[in-house]
Amino acid sequence: MAEMEKVALITGGGRGMGEAIARELHAQGYKLALMSPSESCEKLAAELGGVASRGVAEKAEDIQAIFDLTMKTYGRIDAVVNHTGHPPKGDLLDISDEDWTLGSDMMILSLVRMARLVTPVMLKQGKGAFVNITTFAAYEPSLVFPVSCTYRAAAGAFAKLYSDRYAADNIRMNCILPGFIDSLDHKPGTAEKVPMKRLGQVEEIAKTASFLLSDGAGYITGQNIRVDGGITRHV
């Protein structure tokens, strides 16, 4: 009997790291369901033989829509990559309540809402894996990214709590903490701050995500994996 085709649901899956992860998982044999705010997810899905739904992670109805489309199309979900854009920035106490709330919806409630929908599916299947894309600054907070640092750290805590709850059910959740990656335009000299003296490549993030979703990482859960060229000092 042929092995069941694996299905991956990716948010922020139209460009940058999300696109690279989609291409890598496609190469590994996954069927894809992609979500992004623009038509980029639709174009990529068409190219890779998947399905797509425009939406943003901070809206519960958009997460529901991509989940529903995935289940209607494939009937299963083996892997989820939670990837979002960047939340508002600003001077620490000048950031509005609305922007803090947006950050929470984007980076924490998106994880909770996705997990609520997908976990029952994975429980029926007997296994599954999540990867959350956060930031190298989650545990070395920077005043340049106050909202991101605060809620990305919380994402790591949620991943640990989720892994405690569902590890025995063979459902895993880990976070990838990217450093300065070539998906963005960085200020001149940024690469010199990195011990490797270069920016990371989106393909390197994609390879790490693919590994963490694979059976080869079957004993890894609740972890924060830094893919940052050594820039963080955390031991």
C-alpha atoms as a PDB file:
ATOM      1  CA  MET A   1       0.000   0.000   0.000  1.00  0.00           C
ATOM      2  CA  ALA A   2       1.370   3.417  -0.954  1.00  0.00           C
ATOM      3  CA  GLU A   3       2.310   5.730   1.882  1.00  0.00           C
ATOM      4  CA  MET A   4      -0.233   8.495   2.550  1.00  0.00           C
ATOM      5  CA  GLU A   5       0.832  11.807   1.079  1.00  0.00           C
ATOM      6  CA  LYS A   6       1.887  14.317   3.702  1.00  0.00           C
ATOM      7  CA  VAL A   7       0.171  17.709   3.885  1.00  0.00           C
ATOM      8  CA  ALA A   8       1.698  20.947   5.161  1.00  0.00           C
ATOM      9  CA  LEU A   9      -0.200  24.121   6.027  1.00  0.00           C
ATOM     10  CA  ILE A  10       1.971  27.260   5.935  1.00  0.00           C
ATOM     11  CA  THR A  11       0.950  30.768   6.983  1.00  0.00           C
ATOM     12  CA  GLY A  12       2.973  33.658   5.632  1.00  0.00           C
ATOM     13  CA  GLY A  13       3.650  31.215   2.827  1.00  0.00           C
ATOM     14  CA  GLY A  14       3.961  33.500  -0.169  1.00  0.00           C
ATOM     15  CA  ARG A  15       7.376  35.114   0.000  1.00  0.00           C
ATOM     16  CA  GLY A  16      10.652  35.120   1.897  1.00  0.00           C
ATOM     17  CA  MET A  17      11.147  32.398   4.472  1.00  0.00           C
ATOM     18  CA  GLY A  18       7.605  31.125   4.013  1.00  0.00           C
ATOM     19  CA  GLU A  19       8.117  30.661   0.294  1.00  0.00           C
ATOM     20  CA  ALA A  20      11.451  28.908   0.848  1.00  0.00           C
ATOM     21  CA  ILE A  21       9.862  26.539   3.361  1.00  0.00           C
ATOM     22  CA  ALA A  22       7.023  25.808   0.935  1.00  0.00           C
ATOM     23  CA  ARG A  23       9.481  24.974  -1.850  1.00  0.00           C
ATOM     24  CA  GLU A  24      11.562  22.750   0.427  1.00  0.00           C
ATOM     25  CA  LEU A  25       8.551  20.843   1.738  1.00  0.00           C
ATOM     26  CA  HIS A  26       7.237  20.441  -1.805  1.00  0.00           C
ATOM     27  CA  ALA A  27      10.602  18.925  -2.732  1.00  0.00           C
ATOM     28  CA  GLN A  28      10.199  16.558   0.221  1.00  0.00           C
ATOM     29  CA  GLY A  29       6.863  15.354  -1.151  1.00  0.00           C
ATOM     30  CA  TYR A  30       4.391  17.396   0.872  1.00  0.00           C
ATOM     31  CA  LYS A  31       1.123  18.650  -0.543  1.00  0.00           C
ATOM     32  CA  LEU A  32       0.762  22.327   0.319  1.00  0.00           C
ATOM     33  CA  ALA A  33      -1.854  24.737   1.629  1.00  0.00           C
ATOM     34  CA  LEU A  34      -0.562  28.310   1.743  1.00  0.00           C
ATOM     35  CA  MET A  35      -1.819  31.538   3.269  1.00  0.00           C
ATOM     36  CA  SER A  36      -0.447  35.054   2.829  1.00  0.00           C
ATOM     37  CA  PRO A  37      -1.904  38.566   2.675  1.00  0.00           C
ATOM     38  CA  SER A  38      -1.354  38.980  -1.078  1.00  0.00           C
ATOM     39  CA  GLU A  39      -1.681  36.996  -4.276  1.00  0.00           C
ATOM     40  CA  SER A  40       1.846  35.649  -3.759  1.00  0.00           C
ATOM     41  CA  CYS A  41       0.471  32.581  -1.959  1.00  0.00           C
ATOM     42  CA  GLU A  42      -1.896  31.891  -4.842  1.00  0.00           C
ATOM     43  CA  LYS A  43       0.868  32.150  -7.443  1.00  0.00           C
ATOM     44  CA  LEU A  44       3.196  29.900  -5.451  1.00  0.00           C
ATOM     45  CA  ALA A  45       0.460  27.352  -4.776  1.00  0.00           C
ATOM     46  CA  ALA A  46      -0.372  27.228  -8.483  1.00  0.00           C
ATOM     47  CA  GLU A  47       3.288  26.656  -9.307  1.00  0.00           C
ATOM     48  CA  LEU A  48       3.700  23.905  -6.713  1.00  0.00           C
ATOM     49  CA  GLY A  49       0.362  22.181  -7.237  1.00  0.00           C
ATOM     50  CA  GLY A  50      -1.111  23.263  -3.913  1.00  0.00           C
ATOM     51  CA  VAL A  51      -4.016  25.376  -2.706  1.00  0.00           C
ATOM     52  CA  ALA A  52      -4.054  28.851  -1.207  1.00  0.00           C
ATOM     53  CA  SER A  53      -6.208  31.295   0.696  1.00  0.00           C
ATOM     54  CA  ARG A  54      -5.383  34.962   1.210  1.00  0.00           C
ATOM     55  CA  GLY A  55      -5.327  35.998   4.830  1.00  0.00           C
ATOM     56  CA  VAL A  56      -3.391  37.260   7.829  1.00  0.00           C
ATOM     57  CA  ALA A  57      -2.452  35.349  10.961  1.00  0.00           C
ATOM     58  CA  GLU A  58      -4.002  37.885  13.317  1.00  0.00           C
ATOM     59  CA  LYS A  59      -7.536  37.216  12.050  1.00  0.00           C
ATOM     60  CA  ALA A  60      -9.278  34.143  13.405  1.00  0.00           C
ATOM     61  CA  GLU A  61     -11.537  33.913  10.362  1.00  0.00           C
ATOM     62  CA  ASP A  62      -8.524  33.777   8.023  1.00  0.00           C
ATOM     63  CA  ILE A  63      -6.946  30.940   9.998  1.00  0.00           C
ATOM     64  CA  GLN A  64     -10.281  29.143   9.934  1.00  0.00           C
ATOM     65  CA  ALA A  65     -10.495  29.628   6.160  1.00  0.00           C
ATOM     66  CA  ILE A  66      -7.085  28.113   5.373  1.00  0.00           C
ATOM     67  CA  PHE A  67      -7.767  25.233   7.770  1.00  0.00           C
ATOM     68  CA  ASP A  68     -11.124  24.544   6.135  1.00  0.00           C
ATOM     69  CA  LEU A  69      -9.596  24.696   2.651  1.00  0.00           C
ATOM     70  CA  THR A  70      -6.811  22.305   3.654  1.00  0.00           C
ATOM     71  CA  MET A  71      -9.190  19.758   5.123  1.00  0.00           C
ATOM     72  CA  LYS A  72     -11.659  20.036   2.236  1.00  0.00           C
ATOM     73  CA  THR A  73      -8.848  19.522  -0.286  1.00  0.00           C
ATOM     74  CA  TYR A  74      -6.674  16.913   1.417  1.00  0.00           C
ATOM     75  CA  GLY A  75      -8.554  15.590   4.444  1.00  0.00           C
ATOM     76  CA  ARG A  76      -5.464  15.629   6.664  1.00  0.00           C
ATOM     77  CA  ILE A  77      -2.733  17.907   8.041  1.00  0.00           C
ATOM     78  CA  ASP A  78       0.664  16.499   8.959  1.00  0.00           C
ATOM     79  CA  ALA A  79       2.694  19.676   9.394  1.00  0.00           C
ATOM     80  CA  VAL A  80       1.981  23.301  10.254  1.00  0.00           C
ATOM     81  CA  VAL A  81       4.369  26.220   9.842  1.00  0.00           C
ATOM     82  CA  ASN A  82       3.203  29.319  11.707  1.00  0.00           C
ATOM     83  CA  HIS A  83       4.904  32.308  10.087  1.00  0.00           C
ATOM     84  CA  THR A  84       3.796  35.945  10.258  1.00  0.00           C
ATOM     85  CA  GLY A  85       4.902  39.358   9.205  1.00  0.00           C
ATOM     86  CA  HIS A  86       6.458  41.890  11.536  1.00  0.00           C
ATOM     87  CA  PRO A  87       4.383  43.624  14.233  1.00  0.00           C
ATOM     88  CA  PRO A  88       4.429  47.390  14.885  1.00  0.00           C
ATOM     89  CA  LYS A  89       7.599  48.983  16.250  1.00  0.00           C
ATOM     90  CA  GLY A  90       8.203  52.167  18.207  1.00  0.00           C
ATOM     91  CA  ASP A  91       9.625  53.615  21.395  1.00  0.00           C
ATOM     92  CA  LEU A  92       8.685  51.287  24.260  1.00  0.00           C
ATOM     93  CA  LEU A  93       6.024  53.357  26.023  1.00  0.00           C
ATOM     94  CA  ASP A  94       4.806  55.137  22.897  1.00  0.00           C
ATOM     95  CA  ILE A  95       3.382  51.937  21.416  1.00  0.00           C
ATOM     96  CA  SER A  96      -0.409  52.069  21.550  1.00  0.00           C
ATOM     97  CA  ASP A  97      -2.717  49.539  23.166  1.00  0.00           C
ATOM     98  CA  GLU A  98      -4.007  48.754  19.692  1.00  0.00           C
ATOM     99  CA  ASP A  99      -0.520  47.888  18.453  1.00  0.00           C
ATOM    100  CA  TRP A 100       0.186  45.689  21.470  1.00  0.00           C
ATOM    101  CA  THR A 101      -3.134  43.930  20.881  1.00  0.00           C
ATOM    102  CA  LEU A 102      -2.292  43.445  17.209  1.00  0.00           C
ATOM    103  CA  GLY A 103       1.023  41.904  18.222  1.00  0.00           C
ATOM    104  CA  SER A 104      -0.739  39.496  20.565  1.00  0.00           C
ATOM    105  CA  ASP A 105      -3.238  38.478  17.909  1.00  0.00           C
ATOM    106  CA  MET A 106      -0.492  38.089  15.312  1.00  0.00           C
ATOM    107  CA  MET A 107       2.077  36.143  17.302  1.00  0.00           C
ATOM    108  CA  ILE A 108       0.306  34.366  20.169  1.00  0.00           C
ATOM    109  CA  LEU A 109      -3.394  33.968  19.464  1.00  0.00           C
ATOM    110  CA  SER A 110      -2.552  32.854  15.931  1.00  0.00           C
ATOM    111  CA  LEU A 111      -0.649  29.902  17.413  1.00  0.00           C
ATOM    112  CA  VAL A 112      -3.440  29.083  19.852  1.00  0.00           C
ATOM    113  CA  ARG A 113      -6.157  29.317  17.217  1.00  0.00           C
ATOM    114  CA  MET A 114      -4.247  27.165  14.733  1.00  0.00           C
ATOM    115  CA  ALA A 115      -3.485  24.577  17.408  1.00  0.00           C
ATOM    116  CA  ARG A 116      -7.148  24.400  18.440  1.00  0.00           C
ATOM    117  CA  LEU A 117      -8.151  23.595  14.873  1.00  0.00           C
ATOM    118  CA  VAL A 118      -5.345  21.260  13.839  1.00  0.00           C
ATOM    119  CA  THR A 119      -4.670  19.286  17.036  1.00  0.00           C
ATOM    120  CA  PRO A 120      -7.867  17.185  16.813  1.00  0.00           C
ATOM    121  CA  VAL A 121      -6.899  16.253  13.244  1.00  0.00           C
ATOM    122  CA  MET A 122      -3.404  15.212  14.318  1.00  0.00           C
ATOM    123  CA  LEU A 123      -4.777  13.275  17.284  1.00  0.00           C
ATOM    124  CA  LYS A 124      -6.922  11.207  14.902  1.00  0.00           C
ATOM    125  CA  GLN A 125      -3.925  10.655  12.620  1.00  0.00           C
ATOM    126  CA  GLY A 126      -1.699   9.621  15.525  1.00  0.00           C
ATOM    127  CA  LYS A 127       1.053  12.164  14.861  1.00  0.00           C
ATOM    128  CA  GLY A 128       1.877  15.657  13.644  1.00  0.00           C
ATOM    129  CA  ALA A 129       4.315  18.532  14.010  1.00  0.00           C
ATOM    130  CA  PHE A 130       4.270  22.313  14.259  1.00  0.00           C
ATOM    131  CA  VAL A 131       7.077  24.787  13.617  1.00  0.00           C
ATOM    132  CA  ASN A 132       6.714  28.418  14.699  1.00  0.00           C
ATOM    133  CA  ILE A 133       9.006  31.008  13.107  1.00  0.00           C
ATOM    134  CA  THR A 134       9.936  33.580  15.769  1.00  0.00           C
ATOM    135  CA  THR A 135      13.141  35.636  16.156  1.00  0.00           C
ATOM    136  CA  PHE A 136      16.695  35.437  17.483  1.00  0.00           C
ATOM    137  CA  ALA A 137      15.795  38.389  19.735  1.00  0.00           C
ATOM    138  CA  ALA A 138      13.061  36.491  21.587  1.00  0.00           C
ATOM    139  CA  TYR A 139      15.315  35.803  24.584  1.00  0.00           C
ATOM    140  CA  GLU A 140      17.775  38.646  24.117  1.00  0.00           C
ATOM    141  CA  PRO A 141      15.215  41.449  23.794  1.00  0.00           C
ATOM    142  CA  SER A 142      16.019  44.526  21.731  1.00  0.00           C
ATOM    143  CA  LEU A 143      14.407  47.930  22.112  1.00  0.00           C
ATOM    144  CA  VAL A 144      14.311  48.054  18.314  1.00  0.00           C
ATOM    145  CA  PHE A 145      11.583  45.371  18.312  1.00  0.00           C
ATOM    146  CA  PRO A 146       9.648  45.681  21.613  1.00  0.00           C
ATOM    147  CA  VAL A 147       6.377  44.093  20.530  1.00  0.00           C
ATOM    148  CA  SER A 148       8.065  41.316  18.588  1.00  0.00           C
ATOM    149  CA  CYS A 149      10.467  40.411  21.400  1.00  0.00           C
ATOM    150  CA  THR A 150       7.720  40.318  24.010  1.00  0.00           C
ATOM    151  CA  TYR A 151       5.345  38.098  22.107  1.00  0.00           C
ATOM    152  CA  ARG A 152       7.952  35.925  20.391  1.00  0.00           C
ATOM    153  CA  ALA A 153       9.233  35.000  23.854  1.00  0.00           C
ATOM    154  CA  ALA A 154       5.659  34.137  24.777  1.00  0.00           C
ATOM    155  CA  ALA A 155       5.455  31.968  21.645  1.00  0.00           C
ATOM    156  CA  GLY A 156       8.354  29.922  22.989  1.00  0.00           C
ATOM    157  CA  ALA A 157       6.546  29.491  26.294  1.00  0.00           C
ATOM    158  CA  PHE A 158       3.381  28.405  24.514  1.00  0.00           C
ATOM    159  CA  ALA A 159       5.342  25.904  22.427  1.00  0.00           C
ATOM    160  CA  LYS A 160       6.777  24.390  25.600  1.00  0.00           C
ATOM    161  CA  LEU A 161       3.340  24.170  27.220  1.00  0.00           C
ATOM    162  CA  TYR A 162       1.874  22.632  24.075  1.00  0.00           C
ATOM    163  CA  SER A 163       4.669  20.090  23.853  1.00  0.00           C
ATOM    164  CA  ASP A 164       4.138  19.126  27.500  1.00  0.00           C
ATOM    165  CA  ARG A 165       0.445  18.571  26.810  1.00  0.00           C
ATOM    166  CA  TYR A 166       0.678  16.656  23.521  1.00  0.00           C
ATOM    167  CA  ALA A 167       4.126  15.016  23.358  1.00  0.00           C
ATOM    168  CA  ALA A 168       2.715  11.690  24.526  1.00  0.00           C
ATOM    169  CA  ASP A 169       0.244  11.873  21.638  1.00  0.00           C
ATOM    170  CA  ASN A 170       3.155  12.086  19.185  1.00  0.00           C
ATOM    171  CA  ILE A 171       2.406  15.717  18.300  1.00  0.00           C
ATOM    172  CA  ARG A 172       5.407  18.021  18.458  1.00  0.00           C
ATOM    173  CA  MET A 173       5.883  21.809  18.445  1.00  0.00           C
ATOM    174  CA  ASN A 174       9.181  23.673  18.105  1.00  0.00           C
ATOM    175  CA  CYS A 175      10.241  27.234  17.321  1.00  0.00           C
ATOM    176  CA  ILE A 176      12.880  28.408  14.872  1.00  0.00           C
ATOM    177  CA  LEU A 177      14.611  31.641  15.888  1.00  0.00           C
ATOM    178  CA  PRO A 178      16.053  33.175  12.698  1.00  0.00           C
ATOM    179  CA  GLY A 179      18.827  35.734  12.804  1.00  0.00           C
ATOM    180  CA  PHE A 180      19.424  38.270  10.051  1.00  0.00           C
ATOM    181  CA  ILE A 181      18.124  36.489   6.944  1.00  0.00           C
ATOM    182  CA  ASP A 182      18.439  37.546   3.310  1.00  0.00           C
ATOM    183  CA  SER A 183      14.661  37.758   2.892  1.00  0.00           C
ATOM    184  CA  LEU A 184      14.841  41.349   4.173  1.00  0.00           C
ATOM    185  CA  ASP A 185      16.853  44.409   3.222  1.00  0.00           C
ATOM    186  CA  HIS A 186      19.215  44.918   6.134  1.00  0.00           C
ATOM    187  CA  LYS A 187      21.223  48.008   6.996  1.00  0.00           C
ATOM    188  CA  PRO A 188      24.797  48.123   5.679  1.00  0.00           C
ATOM    189  CA  GLY A 189      27.160  46.453   8.112  1.00  0.00           C
ATOM    190  CA  THR A 190      24.550  44.114   9.562  1.00  0.00           C
ATOM    191  CA  ALA A 191      26.405  41.017   8.394  1.00  0.00           C
ATOM    192  CA  GLU A 192      29.549  42.195  10.193  1.00  0.00           C
ATOM    193  CA  LYS A 193      27.723  41.842  13.538  1.00  0.00           C
ATOM    194  CA  VAL A 194      27.272  38.139  12.902  1.00  0.00           C
ATOM    195  CA  PRO A 195      30.120  35.760  13.834  1.00  0.00           C
ATOM    196  CA  MET A 196      29.748  34.083  10.438  1.00  0.00           C
ATOM    197  CA  LYS A 197      30.086  37.508   8.770  1.00  0.00           C
ATOM    198  CA  ARG A 198      27.157  36.889   6.461  1.00  0.00           C
ATOM    199  CA  LEU A 199      23.389  36.944   6.352  1.00  0.00           C
ATOM    200  CA  GLY A 200      21.499  33.711   6.675  1.00  0.00           C
ATOM    201  CA  GLN A 201      19.798  32.310   3.609  1.00  0.00           C
ATOM    202  CA  VAL A 202      16.096  31.556   3.439  1.00  0.00           C
ATOM    203  CA  GLU A 203      17.003  28.085   2.223  1.00  0.00           C
ATOM    204  CA  GLU A 204      18.834  27.452   5.504  1.00  0.00           C
ATOM    205  CA  ILE A 205      15.694  28.285   7.469  1.00  0.00           C
ATOM    206  CA  ALA A 206      13.713  26.040   5.134  1.00  0.00           C
ATOM    207  CA  LYS A 207      16.067  23.096   5.620  1.00  0.00           C
ATOM    208  CA  THR A 208      15.819  23.481   9.396  1.00  0.00           C
ATOM    209  CA  ALA A 209      12.026  23.640   9.264  1.00  0.00           C
ATOM    210  CA  SER A 210      11.903  20.557   7.045  1.00  0.00           C
ATOM    211  CA  PHE A 211      14.085  18.646   9.495  1.00  0.00           C
ATOM    212  CA  LEU A 212      12.024  19.662  12.534  1.00  0.00           C
ATOM    213  CA  LEU A 213       8.857  18.503  10.787  1.00  0.00           C
ATOM    214  CA  SER A 214      10.404  15.186   9.792  1.00  0.00           C
ATOM    215  CA  ASP A 215      10.564  11.859  11.605  1.00  0.00           C
ATOM    216  CA  GLY A 216      14.292  12.471  11.968  1.00  0.00           C
ATOM    217  CA  ALA A 217      13.386  15.075  14.600  1.00  0.00           C
ATOM    218  CA  GLY A 218      10.889  12.754  16.236  1.00  0.00           C
ATOM    219  CA  TYR A 219      12.414  13.182  19.719  1.00  0.00           C
ATOM    220  CA  ILE A 220      12.662  16.991  19.521  1.00  0.00           C
ATOM    221  CA  THR A 221       9.788  19.021  20.949  1.00  0.00           C
ATOM    222  CA  GLY A 222       9.257  22.200  22.939  1.00  0.00           C
ATOM    223  CA  GLN A 223      12.575  23.632  21.747  1.00  0.00           C
ATOM    224  CA  ASN A 224      13.771  27.008  20.481  1.00  0.00           C
ATOM    225  CA  ILE A 225      16.258  26.356  17.696  1.00  0.00           C
ATOM    226  CA  ARG A 226      18.488  29.341  16.917  1.00  0.00           C
ATOM    227  CA  VAL A 227      19.422  29.670  13.254  1.00  0.00           C
ATOM    228  CA  ASP A 228      21.321  32.931  13.583  1.00  0.00           C
ATOM    229  CA  GLY A 229      24.938  32.484  12.540  1.00  0.00           C
ATOM    230  CA  GLY A 230      25.925  32.644  16.209  1.00  0.00           C
ATOM    231  CA  ILE A 231      24.761  36.211  16.898  1.00  0.00           C
ATOM    232  CA  THR A 232      22.949  35.458  20.149  1.00  0.00           C
ATOM    233  CA  ARG A 233      25.061  35.019  23.279  1.00  0.00           C
ATOM    234  CA  HIS A 234      22.564  32.746  25.072  1.00  0.00           C
ATOM    235  CA  VAL A 235      24.166  29.454  26.097  1.00  0.00           C
END
